[in-house]
Amino acid sequence: MKQYDLFPSSVFSIKYPNHQSLKQKVLSLINDSVLEKDRVSSNLFHYKNSNDTSLLYESVFKDFKDWVENTCYDYVTQVLGYQLTDQIIVTDSWLNKCNKGGYQYPHYHSNSYISGTYYLNFEEGHSPLIFLKESTIPHSSKPVMALEKTNAITQYNSDVTIYPEESELLLWQSSLTHGFRDNMSDNRMTISMNFMPTVMTHSKYGYKVFYS
């Protein structure tokens, strides 16, 4: 028997060299701030998670913002193999803090080209990140056909679990559905972010994005 594995999806990983400095800045910030409770998971909280705010646009995070934007540029051009005629920018970003018993329901990011998560704090008991196989997602926006799984678990009928490390940035194309389940200890802290190229071009069609 012969088979061909077609069209893999990419989740890119890299560590930030100035992690401890960034972590202290975030901890200092949230100590003086009120976090918003998630609408679904009562033990999950967010900061700067609204349309008119973006965590990484605060001046104290400029170095980290520059680093993630440069990293995302390299990811799109060198890993995914797409052409960018201008920069790629963070359009929105926010802090997530999940305590014991919390979870993040499966979701994808609309109005975004690349999404990412940076792990400020990740230790034993914190839930891994799960990417869901598209054909098994009950809330998919696309028409799907699905059968019940057998006891045979394969790479073709299963979700993918990633166990990140503290100081690690993960990047992926925004249409991938992801989330995490049953967090088992407090203070699982991440920074989530979305990116868009400032110029979108394909053949003779495209547009330019202005963001301030």
N, C-alpha and C. Protein backbone atom coordinates (compact mmCIF):
# COMPACT_ATOMS: atom_id res chain seq x y z
N MET A 1 0.84 -1.19 0.00
CA MET A 1 0.00 0.00 0.00
C MET A 1 0.88 1.25 0.00
N LYS A 2 0.44 2.24 -0.75
CA LYS A 2 1.20 3.48 -0.86
C LYS A 2 0.28 4.65 -0.59
N GLN A 3 0.81 5.69 0.04
CA GLN A 3 0.01 6.88 0.30
C GLN A 3 0.86 8.11 0.13
N TYR A 4 0.19 9.23 -0.10
CA TYR A 4 0.87 10.52 -0.25
C TYR A 4 0.27 11.49 0.77
N ASP A 5 1.12 12.14 1.53
CA ASP A 5 0.67 13.18 2.46
C ASP A 5 0.70 14.52 1.74
N LEU A 6 -0.46 15.15 1.62
CA LEU A 6 -0.59 16.36 0.82
C LEU A 6 -0.79 17.60 1.69
N PHE A 7 -0.16 18.69 1.31
CA PHE A 7 -0.45 20.04 1.78
C PHE A 7 -0.43 20.17 3.31
N PRO A 8 0.71 20.03 3.94
CA PRO A 8 0.76 20.22 5.39
C PRO A 8 0.54 21.68 5.77
N SER A 9 0.06 21.90 6.99
CA SER A 9 -0.06 23.25 7.55
C SER A 9 1.15 23.53 8.43
N SER A 10 1.52 24.80 8.51
CA SER A 10 2.71 25.18 9.26
C SER A 10 2.33 25.90 10.55
N VAL A 11 2.97 25.48 11.66
CA VAL A 11 2.97 26.24 12.90
C VAL A 11 4.43 26.48 13.24
N PHE A 12 4.83 27.73 13.20
CA PHE A 12 6.23 28.13 13.35
C PHE A 12 6.52 28.45 14.81
N SER A 13 7.72 28.10 15.28
CA SER A 13 8.09 28.31 16.68
C SER A 13 9.46 28.96 16.78
N ILE A 14 9.57 29.96 17.67
CA ILE A 14 10.86 30.61 17.93
C ILE A 14 10.80 31.22 19.33
N LYS A 15 11.95 31.32 20.01
CA LYS A 15 12.00 31.88 21.36
C LYS A 15 12.50 33.32 21.33
N TYR A 16 11.92 34.13 22.20
CA TYR A 16 12.29 35.54 22.32
C TYR A 16 13.49 35.67 23.25
N PRO A 17 14.58 36.30 22.83
CA PRO A 17 15.80 36.33 23.64
C PRO A 17 15.71 37.18 24.91
N ASN A 18 14.77 38.13 24.95
CA ASN A 18 14.67 39.02 26.12
C ASN A 18 13.41 38.71 26.93
N HIS A 19 13.17 37.43 27.14
CA HIS A 19 11.92 36.99 27.75
C HIS A 19 11.72 37.53 29.16
N GLN A 20 12.71 37.44 30.02
CA GLN A 20 12.53 37.82 31.42
C GLN A 20 12.17 39.30 31.56
N SER A 21 12.80 40.15 30.76
CA SER A 21 12.47 41.57 30.80
C SER A 21 11.03 41.81 30.37
N LEU A 22 10.60 41.14 29.31
CA LEU A 22 9.22 41.27 28.84
C LEU A 22 8.23 40.78 29.90
N LYS A 23 8.53 39.64 30.50
CA LYS A 23 7.63 39.07 31.50
C LYS A 23 7.44 40.02 32.68
N GLN A 24 8.50 40.66 33.14
CA GLN A 24 8.40 41.58 34.26
C GLN A 24 7.57 42.81 33.89
N LYS A 25 7.70 43.29 32.66
CA LYS A 25 6.90 44.42 32.21
C LYS A 25 5.42 44.08 32.23
N VAL A 26 5.09 42.88 31.76
CA VAL A 26 3.68 42.47 31.72
C VAL A 26 3.14 42.29 33.13
N LEU A 27 3.91 41.64 34.01
CA LEU A 27 3.46 41.43 35.38
C LEU A 27 3.23 42.76 36.10
N SER A 28 4.11 43.71 35.87
CA SER A 28 3.94 45.03 36.48
C SER A 28 2.68 45.71 35.96
N LEU A 29 2.41 45.54 34.69
CA LEU A 29 1.24 46.17 34.09
C LEU A 29 -0.06 45.59 34.64
N ILE A 30 -0.17 44.27 34.69
CA ILE A 30 -1.44 43.68 35.09
C ILE A 30 -1.67 43.77 36.59
N ASN A 31 -0.62 43.97 37.37
CA ASN A 31 -0.81 44.16 38.81
C ASN A 31 -1.62 45.42 39.11
N ASP A 32 -1.58 46.38 38.19
CA ASP A 32 -2.29 47.64 38.37
C ASP A 32 -3.52 47.75 37.47
N SER A 33 -3.95 46.62 36.90
CA SER A 33 -5.02 46.65 35.91
C SER A 33 -6.13 45.67 36.28
N VAL A 34 -7.32 45.93 35.76
CA VAL A 34 -8.46 45.03 35.93
C VAL A 34 -8.59 44.20 34.66
N LEU A 35 -8.57 42.87 34.81
CA LEU A 35 -8.70 41.98 33.67
C LEU A 35 -10.17 41.65 33.44
N GLU A 36 -10.52 41.49 32.18
CA GLU A 36 -11.90 41.21 31.80
C GLU A 36 -12.14 39.70 31.77
N LYS A 37 -13.23 39.25 32.39
CA LYS A 37 -13.56 37.83 32.40
C LYS A 37 -14.07 37.40 31.03
N ASP A 38 -13.62 36.23 30.57
CA ASP A 38 -14.07 35.67 29.29
C ASP A 38 -15.58 35.41 29.33
N ARG A 39 -16.23 35.54 28.19
CA ARG A 39 -17.68 35.36 28.12
C ARG A 39 -18.09 33.90 28.27
N VAL A 40 -17.19 32.96 27.99
CA VAL A 40 -17.54 31.54 28.02
C VAL A 40 -16.90 30.83 29.20
N SER A 41 -15.60 31.02 29.39
CA SER A 41 -14.85 30.33 30.44
C SER A 41 -14.63 31.29 31.62
N SER A 42 -15.21 30.97 32.76
CA SER A 42 -15.19 31.88 33.91
C SER A 42 -13.81 32.02 34.54
N ASN A 43 -12.90 31.09 34.28
CA ASN A 43 -11.55 31.15 34.84
C ASN A 43 -10.51 31.63 33.83
N LEU A 44 -10.98 32.20 32.74
CA LEU A 44 -10.11 32.78 31.71
C LEU A 44 -10.35 34.28 31.68
N PHE A 45 -9.24 35.05 31.68
CA PHE A 45 -9.33 36.51 31.73
C PHE A 45 -8.49 37.12 30.60
N HIS A 46 -8.87 38.35 30.20
CA HIS A 46 -8.19 39.03 29.10
C HIS A 46 -7.87 40.47 29.49
N TYR A 47 -6.88 41.02 28.82
CA TYR A 47 -6.53 42.43 28.97
C TYR A 47 -6.24 43.02 27.60
N LYS A 48 -6.87 44.14 27.29
CA LYS A 48 -6.75 44.81 25.99
C LYS A 48 -7.35 43.98 24.86
N ASN A 49 -8.43 43.26 25.14
CA ASN A 49 -9.06 42.39 24.15
C ASN A 49 -10.33 43.04 23.63
N SER A 50 -10.18 44.16 22.92
CA SER A 50 -11.31 44.85 22.31
C SER A 50 -10.84 45.49 21.01
N ASN A 51 -11.81 45.93 20.21
CA ASN A 51 -11.48 46.43 18.87
C ASN A 51 -10.65 47.70 18.88
N ASP A 52 -10.74 48.49 19.94
CA ASP A 52 -10.06 49.79 19.94
C ASP A 52 -8.78 49.81 20.77
N THR A 53 -8.27 48.63 21.16
CA THR A 53 -7.05 48.57 21.96
C THR A 53 -6.11 47.51 21.39
N SER A 54 -4.84 47.63 21.71
CA SER A 54 -3.86 46.61 21.32
C SER A 54 -2.69 46.68 22.30
N LEU A 55 -2.47 45.59 23.02
CA LEU A 55 -1.45 45.56 24.06
C LEU A 55 -0.08 45.99 23.54
N LEU A 56 0.33 45.47 22.39
CA LEU A 56 1.69 45.69 21.92
C LEU A 56 1.92 47.08 21.35
N TYR A 57 0.85 47.89 21.25
CA TYR A 57 1.03 49.26 20.81
C TYR A 57 1.35 50.19 21.98
N GLU A 58 1.40 49.67 23.19
CA GLU A 58 1.89 50.47 24.30
C GLU A 58 3.41 50.58 24.18
N SER A 59 3.94 51.77 24.44
CA SER A 59 5.34 52.07 24.16
C SER A 59 6.31 51.13 24.87
N VAL A 60 5.93 50.63 26.04
CA VAL A 60 6.83 49.77 26.81
C VAL A 60 7.11 48.45 26.09
N PHE A 61 6.26 48.08 25.12
CA PHE A 61 6.43 46.82 24.41
C PHE A 61 6.98 47.00 22.99
N LYS A 62 7.52 48.18 22.69
CA LYS A 62 7.98 48.46 21.32
C LYS A 62 9.01 47.44 20.82
N ASP A 63 10.00 47.11 21.65
CA ASP A 63 11.04 46.18 21.21
C ASP A 63 10.45 44.81 20.87
N PHE A 64 9.54 44.35 21.71
CA PHE A 64 8.91 43.05 21.46
C PHE A 64 8.03 43.11 20.22
N LYS A 65 7.28 44.19 20.05
CA LYS A 65 6.44 44.35 18.85
C LYS A 65 7.29 44.34 17.58
N ASP A 66 8.40 45.07 17.59
CA ASP A 66 9.30 45.06 16.43
C ASP A 66 9.79 43.65 16.14
N TRP A 67 10.12 42.91 17.20
CA TRP A 67 10.64 41.55 17.03
C TRP A 67 9.60 40.61 16.44
N VAL A 68 8.35 40.66 16.94
CA VAL A 68 7.33 39.75 16.40
C VAL A 68 6.98 40.11 14.96
N GLU A 69 6.98 41.40 14.63
CA GLU A 69 6.68 41.79 13.25
C GLU A 69 7.79 41.34 12.30
N ASN A 70 9.03 41.49 12.70
CA ASN A 70 10.14 41.03 11.85
C ASN A 70 10.12 39.50 11.72
N THR A 71 9.80 38.82 12.83
CA THR A 71 9.72 37.36 12.80
C THR A 71 8.60 36.90 11.88
N CYS A 72 7.45 37.57 11.96
CA CYS A 72 6.32 37.21 11.11
C CYS A 72 6.63 37.45 9.64
N TYR A 73 7.35 38.53 9.34
CA TYR A 73 7.77 38.80 7.96
C TYR A 73 8.61 37.63 7.43
N ASP A 74 9.57 37.18 8.23
CA ASP A 74 10.41 36.05 7.81
C ASP A 74 9.59 34.78 7.65
N TYR A 75 8.62 34.57 8.54
CA TYR A 75 7.77 33.38 8.47
C TYR A 75 6.98 33.35 7.16
N VAL A 76 6.38 34.48 6.80
CA VAL A 76 5.57 34.53 5.57
C VAL A 76 6.43 34.36 4.33
N THR A 77 7.58 35.01 4.30
CA THR A 77 8.39 35.00 3.08
C THR A 77 9.28 33.76 2.97
N GLN A 78 9.88 33.32 4.06
CA GLN A 78 10.87 32.24 4.00
C GLN A 78 10.28 30.86 4.28
N VAL A 79 9.27 30.79 5.14
CA VAL A 79 8.66 29.50 5.47
C VAL A 79 7.45 29.21 4.58
N LEU A 80 6.50 30.15 4.54
CA LEU A 80 5.31 29.94 3.72
C LEU A 80 5.58 30.18 2.24
N GLY A 81 6.60 31.00 1.93
CA GLY A 81 7.00 31.20 0.54
C GLY A 81 6.15 32.19 -0.22
N TYR A 82 5.61 33.21 0.48
CA TYR A 82 4.81 34.23 -0.18
C TYR A 82 5.58 35.55 -0.24
N GLN A 83 5.26 36.35 -1.26
CA GLN A 83 5.95 37.62 -1.46
C GLN A 83 5.27 38.73 -0.69
N LEU A 84 6.05 39.53 0.02
CA LEU A 84 5.56 40.74 0.66
C LEU A 84 6.29 41.93 0.05
N THR A 85 5.53 42.90 -0.42
CA THR A 85 6.15 44.08 -1.03
C THR A 85 6.33 45.21 -0.02
N ASP A 86 5.84 45.01 1.20
CA ASP A 86 6.01 45.99 2.27
C ASP A 86 6.03 45.20 3.59
N GLN A 87 5.92 45.87 4.71
CA GLN A 87 6.00 45.21 6.01
C GLN A 87 4.72 44.46 6.35
N ILE A 88 4.78 43.64 7.40
CA ILE A 88 3.60 43.02 7.98
C ILE A 88 3.52 43.51 9.42
N ILE A 89 2.31 43.87 9.86
CA ILE A 89 2.16 44.56 11.14
C ILE A 89 1.19 43.84 12.07
N VAL A 90 1.39 44.05 13.37
CA VAL A 90 0.42 43.61 14.36
C VAL A 90 -0.80 44.52 14.26
N THR A 91 -1.97 43.94 14.06
CA THR A 91 -3.20 44.73 14.00
C THR A 91 -3.92 44.76 15.34
N ASP A 92 -3.87 43.67 16.08
CA ASP A 92 -4.42 43.67 17.43
C ASP A 92 -3.68 42.63 18.27
N SER A 93 -3.67 42.85 19.58
CA SER A 93 -2.93 41.97 20.48
C SER A 93 -3.50 42.14 21.89
N TRP A 94 -3.47 41.07 22.66
CA TRP A 94 -4.08 41.11 23.99
C TRP A 94 -3.46 40.04 24.88
N LEU A 95 -3.63 40.23 26.19
CA LEU A 95 -3.11 39.29 27.18
C LEU A 95 -4.21 38.33 27.59
N ASN A 96 -3.84 37.05 27.76
CA ASN A 96 -4.74 36.03 28.29
C ASN A 96 -4.14 35.48 29.58
N LYS A 97 -4.97 35.36 30.60
CA LYS A 97 -4.55 34.72 31.85
C LYS A 97 -5.59 33.66 32.20
N CYS A 98 -5.16 32.41 32.28
CA CYS A 98 -6.08 31.31 32.55
C CYS A 98 -5.70 30.65 33.87
N ASN A 99 -6.66 30.55 34.77
CA ASN A 99 -6.45 29.87 36.03
C ASN A 99 -6.99 28.44 35.97
N LYS A 100 -6.80 27.70 37.04
CA LYS A 100 -7.21 26.30 37.09
C LYS A 100 -8.70 26.17 36.77
N GLY A 101 -9.01 25.23 35.89
CA GLY A 101 -10.39 25.00 35.49
C GLY A 101 -10.81 25.78 34.26
N GLY A 102 -9.96 26.67 33.78
CA GLY A 102 -10.31 27.45 32.60
C GLY A 102 -9.99 26.71 31.31
N TYR A 103 -10.47 27.25 30.21
CA TYR A 103 -10.23 26.67 28.89
C TYR A 103 -10.47 27.75 27.84
N GLN A 104 -10.04 27.48 26.63
CA GLN A 104 -10.31 28.37 25.50
C GLN A 104 -11.03 27.55 24.44
N TYR A 105 -12.27 27.91 24.16
CA TYR A 105 -13.07 27.15 23.20
C TYR A 105 -12.44 27.22 21.81
N PRO A 106 -12.64 26.19 20.98
CA PRO A 106 -12.04 26.19 19.64
C PRO A 106 -12.53 27.38 18.82
N HIS A 107 -11.59 28.05 18.17
CA HIS A 107 -11.93 29.23 17.39
C HIS A 107 -10.83 29.50 16.37
N TYR A 108 -11.14 30.32 15.40
CA TYR A 108 -10.13 30.83 14.48
C TYR A 108 -10.26 32.35 14.43
N HIS A 109 -9.29 33.04 13.83
CA HIS A 109 -9.27 34.50 13.83
C HIS A 109 -9.65 35.03 12.46
N SER A 110 -10.77 35.71 12.40
CA SER A 110 -11.19 36.33 11.14
C SER A 110 -10.50 37.68 10.96
N ASN A 111 -10.56 38.20 9.74
CA ASN A 111 -9.97 39.51 9.41
C ASN A 111 -8.50 39.59 9.82
N SER A 112 -7.79 38.52 9.58
CA SER A 112 -6.38 38.42 9.94
C SER A 112 -5.70 37.45 8.98
N TYR A 113 -4.43 37.70 8.68
CA TYR A 113 -3.68 36.81 7.79
C TYR A 113 -2.85 35.79 8.56
N ILE A 114 -2.12 36.26 9.57
CA ILE A 114 -1.32 35.39 10.45
C ILE A 114 -1.74 35.67 11.89
N SER A 115 -1.81 34.62 12.70
CA SER A 115 -2.07 34.77 14.13
C SER A 115 -0.92 34.15 14.92
N GLY A 116 -0.81 34.55 16.17
CA GLY A 116 0.27 34.02 16.98
C GLY A 116 -0.05 34.05 18.46
N THR A 117 0.68 33.25 19.21
CA THR A 117 0.60 33.24 20.67
C THR A 117 2.00 33.20 21.24
N TYR A 118 2.25 34.06 22.22
CA TYR A 118 3.53 34.07 22.92
C TYR A 118 3.29 33.62 24.35
N TYR A 119 4.13 32.69 24.82
CA TYR A 119 3.93 32.08 26.14
C TYR A 119 4.77 32.80 27.19
N LEU A 120 4.09 33.69 27.92
CA LEU A 120 4.74 34.44 29.00
C LEU A 120 5.04 33.55 30.19
N ASN A 121 4.13 32.63 30.47
CA ASN A 121 4.28 31.73 31.60
C ASN A 121 3.66 30.39 31.23
N PHE A 122 4.47 29.34 31.25
CA PHE A 122 3.95 28.02 30.91
C PHE A 122 4.70 26.99 31.75
N GLU A 123 3.96 26.29 32.60
CA GLU A 123 4.58 25.37 33.56
C GLU A 123 3.72 24.12 33.69
N GLU A 124 4.16 23.20 34.51
CA GLU A 124 3.44 21.95 34.69
C GLU A 124 2.00 22.21 35.14
N GLY A 125 1.06 21.54 34.49
CA GLY A 125 -0.35 21.75 34.77
C GLY A 125 -1.03 22.68 33.80
N HIS A 126 -0.27 23.45 33.02
CA HIS A 126 -0.87 24.32 32.03
C HIS A 126 -1.23 23.51 30.77
N SER A 127 -2.36 23.84 30.19
CA SER A 127 -2.87 23.08 29.05
C SER A 127 -2.07 23.37 27.78
N PRO A 128 -1.81 22.34 26.97
CA PRO A 128 -1.17 22.56 25.68
C PRO A 128 -2.14 23.20 24.70
N LEU A 129 -1.60 23.69 23.60
CA LEU A 129 -2.41 24.28 22.54
C LEU A 129 -2.83 23.18 21.56
N ILE A 130 -4.10 23.17 21.18
CA ILE A 130 -4.63 22.14 20.30
C ILE A 130 -5.11 22.79 19.01
N PHE A 131 -4.69 22.24 17.87
CA PHE A 131 -5.20 22.63 16.56
C PHE A 131 -6.15 21.55 16.09
N LEU A 132 -7.36 21.95 15.69
CA LEU A 132 -8.40 20.99 15.36
C LEU A 132 -8.42 20.71 13.86
N LYS A 133 -8.62 19.44 13.55
CA LYS A 133 -8.75 19.03 12.16
C LYS A 133 -10.05 19.60 11.59
N GLU A 134 -9.97 20.27 10.44
CA GLU A 134 -11.09 21.04 9.92
C GLU A 134 -12.35 20.21 9.72
N SER A 135 -12.23 18.98 9.22
CA SER A 135 -13.40 18.19 8.89
C SER A 135 -14.14 17.69 10.13
N THR A 136 -13.54 17.84 11.34
CA THR A 136 -14.19 17.37 12.56
C THR A 136 -14.72 18.51 13.42
N ILE A 137 -14.62 19.75 12.92
CA ILE A 137 -15.02 20.91 13.72
C ILE A 137 -16.53 21.12 13.58
N PRO A 138 -17.29 21.05 14.67
CA PRO A 138 -18.75 21.17 14.55
C PRO A 138 -19.22 22.56 14.16
N HIS A 139 -18.40 23.62 14.42
CA HIS A 139 -18.86 24.97 14.14
C HIS A 139 -18.22 25.54 12.86
N SER A 140 -17.65 24.69 12.01
CA SER A 140 -16.98 25.17 10.82
C SER A 140 -17.91 26.03 9.97
N SER A 141 -17.35 27.09 9.38
CA SER A 141 -18.13 27.96 8.51
C SER A 141 -18.30 27.38 7.11
N LYS A 142 -17.66 26.24 6.85
CA LYS A 142 -17.74 25.60 5.54
C LYS A 142 -18.60 24.33 5.64
N PRO A 143 -19.28 23.95 4.56
CA PRO A 143 -20.03 22.69 4.58
C PRO A 143 -19.06 21.52 4.78
N VAL A 144 -19.39 20.61 5.67
CA VAL A 144 -18.53 19.46 5.93
C VAL A 144 -19.36 18.19 6.01
N MET A 145 -18.71 17.06 5.74
CA MET A 145 -19.28 15.75 5.98
C MET A 145 -18.38 15.04 6.98
N ALA A 146 -18.96 14.36 7.95
CA ALA A 146 -18.16 13.74 9.00
C ALA A 146 -18.75 12.40 9.40
N LEU A 147 -17.87 11.44 9.68
CA LEU A 147 -18.24 10.14 10.22
C LEU A 147 -17.67 10.00 11.61
N GLU A 148 -18.28 9.15 12.43
CA GLU A 148 -17.74 8.87 13.74
C GLU A 148 -16.38 8.18 13.59
N LYS A 149 -15.46 8.48 14.52
CA LYS A 149 -14.13 7.86 14.48
C LYS A 149 -14.20 6.40 14.95
N THR A 150 -13.32 5.59 14.42
CA THR A 150 -13.12 4.25 14.94
C THR A 150 -12.11 4.32 16.08
N ASN A 151 -11.74 3.17 16.61
CA ASN A 151 -10.72 3.14 17.66
C ASN A 151 -9.31 3.36 17.11
N ALA A 152 -9.18 3.34 15.79
CA ALA A 152 -7.88 3.56 15.17
C ALA A 152 -7.63 5.06 15.06
N ILE A 153 -6.69 5.56 15.85
CA ILE A 153 -6.35 6.99 15.83
C ILE A 153 -5.18 7.19 14.88
N THR A 154 -5.37 8.02 13.88
CA THR A 154 -4.32 8.27 12.89
C THR A 154 -4.10 9.77 12.77
N GLN A 155 -3.08 10.15 12.04
CA GLN A 155 -2.81 11.58 11.82
C GLN A 155 -3.86 12.21 10.92
N TYR A 156 -4.70 11.41 10.30
CA TYR A 156 -5.70 11.92 9.37
C TYR A 156 -7.07 12.10 10.01
N ASN A 157 -7.28 11.59 11.22
CA ASN A 157 -8.58 11.77 11.88
C ASN A 157 -8.44 12.40 13.26
N SER A 158 -7.27 12.98 13.55
CA SER A 158 -7.00 13.48 14.89
C SER A 158 -6.61 14.95 14.88
N ASP A 159 -6.84 15.59 16.01
CA ASP A 159 -6.34 16.95 16.22
C ASP A 159 -4.84 16.90 16.53
N VAL A 160 -4.19 18.05 16.51
CA VAL A 160 -2.75 18.13 16.77
C VAL A 160 -2.53 18.93 18.06
N THR A 161 -1.77 18.36 18.98
CA THR A 161 -1.47 19.01 20.26
C THR A 161 -0.03 19.47 20.29
N ILE A 162 0.17 20.72 20.67
CA ILE A 162 1.51 21.30 20.77
C ILE A 162 1.77 21.69 22.22
N TYR A 163 2.89 21.21 22.76
CA TYR A 163 3.30 21.55 24.12
C TYR A 163 4.37 22.64 24.03
N PRO A 164 3.98 23.89 24.17
CA PRO A 164 4.96 24.99 24.04
C PRO A 164 5.81 25.12 25.29
N GLU A 165 6.81 25.97 25.21
CA GLU A 165 7.65 26.31 26.35
C GLU A 165 7.54 27.80 26.63
N GLU A 166 7.80 28.18 27.86
CA GLU A 166 7.83 29.59 28.21
C GLU A 166 8.86 30.31 27.34
N SER A 167 8.53 31.50 26.91
CA SER A 167 9.32 32.37 26.02
C SER A 167 9.18 32.00 24.55
N GLU A 168 8.27 31.09 24.22
CA GLU A 168 8.13 30.63 22.84
C GLU A 168 7.00 31.38 22.14
N LEU A 169 7.26 31.80 20.90
CA LEU A 169 6.26 32.40 20.03
C LEU A 169 5.85 31.38 18.98
N LEU A 170 4.54 31.15 18.85
CA LEU A 170 4.00 30.31 17.79
C LEU A 170 3.26 31.18 16.79
N LEU A 171 3.47 30.94 15.50
CA LEU A 171 2.78 31.65 14.42
C LEU A 171 2.12 30.66 13.49
N TRP A 172 0.92 31.00 12.99
CA TRP A 172 0.22 30.12 12.05
C TRP A 172 -0.74 30.96 11.21
N GLN A 173 -1.22 30.38 10.13
CA GLN A 173 -2.19 31.07 9.30
C GLN A 173 -3.52 31.14 10.04
N SER A 174 -4.17 32.31 10.00
CA SER A 174 -5.25 32.62 10.92
C SER A 174 -6.49 31.75 10.76
N SER A 175 -6.63 31.05 9.66
CA SER A 175 -7.81 30.22 9.46
C SER A 175 -7.77 28.91 10.24
N LEU A 176 -6.61 28.56 10.84
CA LEU A 176 -6.52 27.31 11.61
C LEU A 176 -7.29 27.45 12.93
N THR A 177 -8.14 26.48 13.21
CA THR A 177 -8.91 26.48 14.45
C THR A 177 -8.08 25.91 15.59
N HIS A 178 -8.13 26.60 16.73
CA HIS A 178 -7.27 26.22 17.85
C HIS A 178 -7.95 26.54 19.18
N GLY A 179 -7.40 26.03 20.25
CA GLY A 179 -7.92 26.28 21.59
C GLY A 179 -7.17 25.41 22.59
N PHE A 180 -7.63 25.39 23.84
CA PHE A 180 -7.05 24.47 24.82
C PHE A 180 -8.12 24.08 25.83
N ARG A 181 -7.87 22.93 26.51
CA ARG A 181 -8.88 22.34 27.39
C ARG A 181 -8.35 22.18 28.81
N ASP A 182 -9.25 22.25 29.77
CA ASP A 182 -9.02 21.79 31.14
C ASP A 182 -7.66 22.20 31.71
N ASN A 183 -7.44 23.50 31.80
CA ASN A 183 -6.21 23.98 32.43
C ASN A 183 -6.18 23.53 33.89
N MET A 184 -5.03 22.99 34.32
CA MET A 184 -4.95 22.34 35.63
C MET A 184 -4.23 23.15 36.70
N SER A 185 -3.73 24.33 36.38
CA SER A 185 -3.09 25.17 37.39
C SER A 185 -3.22 26.64 36.99
N ASP A 186 -2.97 27.53 37.95
CA ASP A 186 -3.18 28.97 37.73
C ASP A 186 -2.08 29.60 36.88
N ASN A 187 -2.38 30.82 36.44
CA ASN A 187 -1.39 31.72 35.82
C ASN A 187 -0.81 31.19 34.51
N ARG A 188 -1.64 30.59 33.69
CA ARG A 188 -1.24 30.29 32.31
C ARG A 188 -1.39 31.60 31.54
N MET A 189 -0.27 32.27 31.22
CA MET A 189 -0.32 33.60 30.63
C MET A 189 0.29 33.62 29.23
N THR A 190 -0.46 34.18 28.31
CA THR A 190 -0.01 34.28 26.92
C THR A 190 -0.36 35.65 26.36
N ILE A 191 0.36 36.04 25.32
CA ILE A 191 -0.01 37.21 24.52
C ILE A 191 -0.44 36.69 23.16
N SER A 192 -1.69 36.98 22.79
CA SER A 192 -2.19 36.62 21.47
C SER A 192 -2.11 37.81 20.54
N MET A 193 -1.95 37.56 19.25
CA MET A 193 -1.78 38.66 18.31
C MET A 193 -2.20 38.24 16.90
N ASN A 194 -2.60 39.23 16.13
CA ASN A 194 -2.93 39.04 14.72
C ASN A 194 -2.08 39.97 13.87
N PHE A 195 -1.81 39.54 12.64
CA PHE A 195 -0.96 40.30 11.72
C PHE A 195 -1.66 40.45 10.37
N MET A 196 -1.38 41.56 9.71
CA MET A 196 -1.78 41.77 8.32
C MET A 196 -0.64 42.42 7.55
N PRO A 197 -0.38 42.00 6.31
CA PRO A 197 0.54 42.76 5.46
C PRO A 197 -0.03 44.15 5.19
N THR A 198 0.82 45.14 5.14
CA THR A 198 0.34 46.49 4.82
C THR A 198 -0.02 46.62 3.34
N VAL A 199 0.53 45.73 2.52
CA VAL A 199 0.16 45.69 1.11
C VAL A 199 -0.22 44.26 0.75
N MET A 200 -1.45 44.05 0.29
CA MET A 200 -1.91 42.75 -0.17
C MET A 200 -1.95 42.78 -1.69
N THR A 201 -1.14 41.94 -2.33
CA THR A 201 -1.10 41.91 -3.78
C THR A 201 -1.15 40.49 -4.30
N HIS A 202 -1.91 40.30 -5.37
CA HIS A 202 -1.95 39.03 -6.08
C HIS A 202 -2.25 39.34 -7.53
N SER A 203 -1.28 39.05 -8.42
CA SER A 203 -1.38 39.44 -9.81
C SER A 203 -1.55 40.96 -9.87
N LYS A 204 -2.58 41.47 -10.53
CA LYS A 204 -2.76 42.93 -10.62
C LYS A 204 -3.75 43.45 -9.59
N TYR A 205 -4.20 42.57 -8.69
CA TYR A 205 -5.22 42.96 -7.72
C TYR A 205 -4.60 43.14 -6.34
N GLY A 206 -5.07 44.10 -5.59
CA GLY A 206 -4.55 44.27 -4.25
C GLY A 206 -5.00 45.57 -3.61
N TYR A 207 -4.50 45.82 -2.41
CA TYR A 207 -4.82 47.04 -1.69
C TYR A 207 -3.74 47.31 -0.66
N LYS A 208 -3.72 48.53 -0.15
CA LYS A 208 -2.75 48.93 0.86
C LYS A 208 -3.49 49.22 2.17
N VAL A 209 -2.93 48.78 3.27
CA VAL A 209 -3.51 48.98 4.60
C VAL A 209 -2.77 50.09 5.32
N PHE A 210 -3.50 51.03 5.88
CA PHE A 210 -2.91 52.08 6.72
C PHE A 210 -3.40 51.86 8.13
N TYR A 211 -2.47 51.77 9.07
CA TYR A 211 -2.81 51.46 10.47
C TYR A 211 -2.02 52.35 11.40
N SER A 212 -2.68 52.92 12.39
CA SER A 212 -1.99 53.78 13.34
C SER A 212 -2.32 53.39 14.77
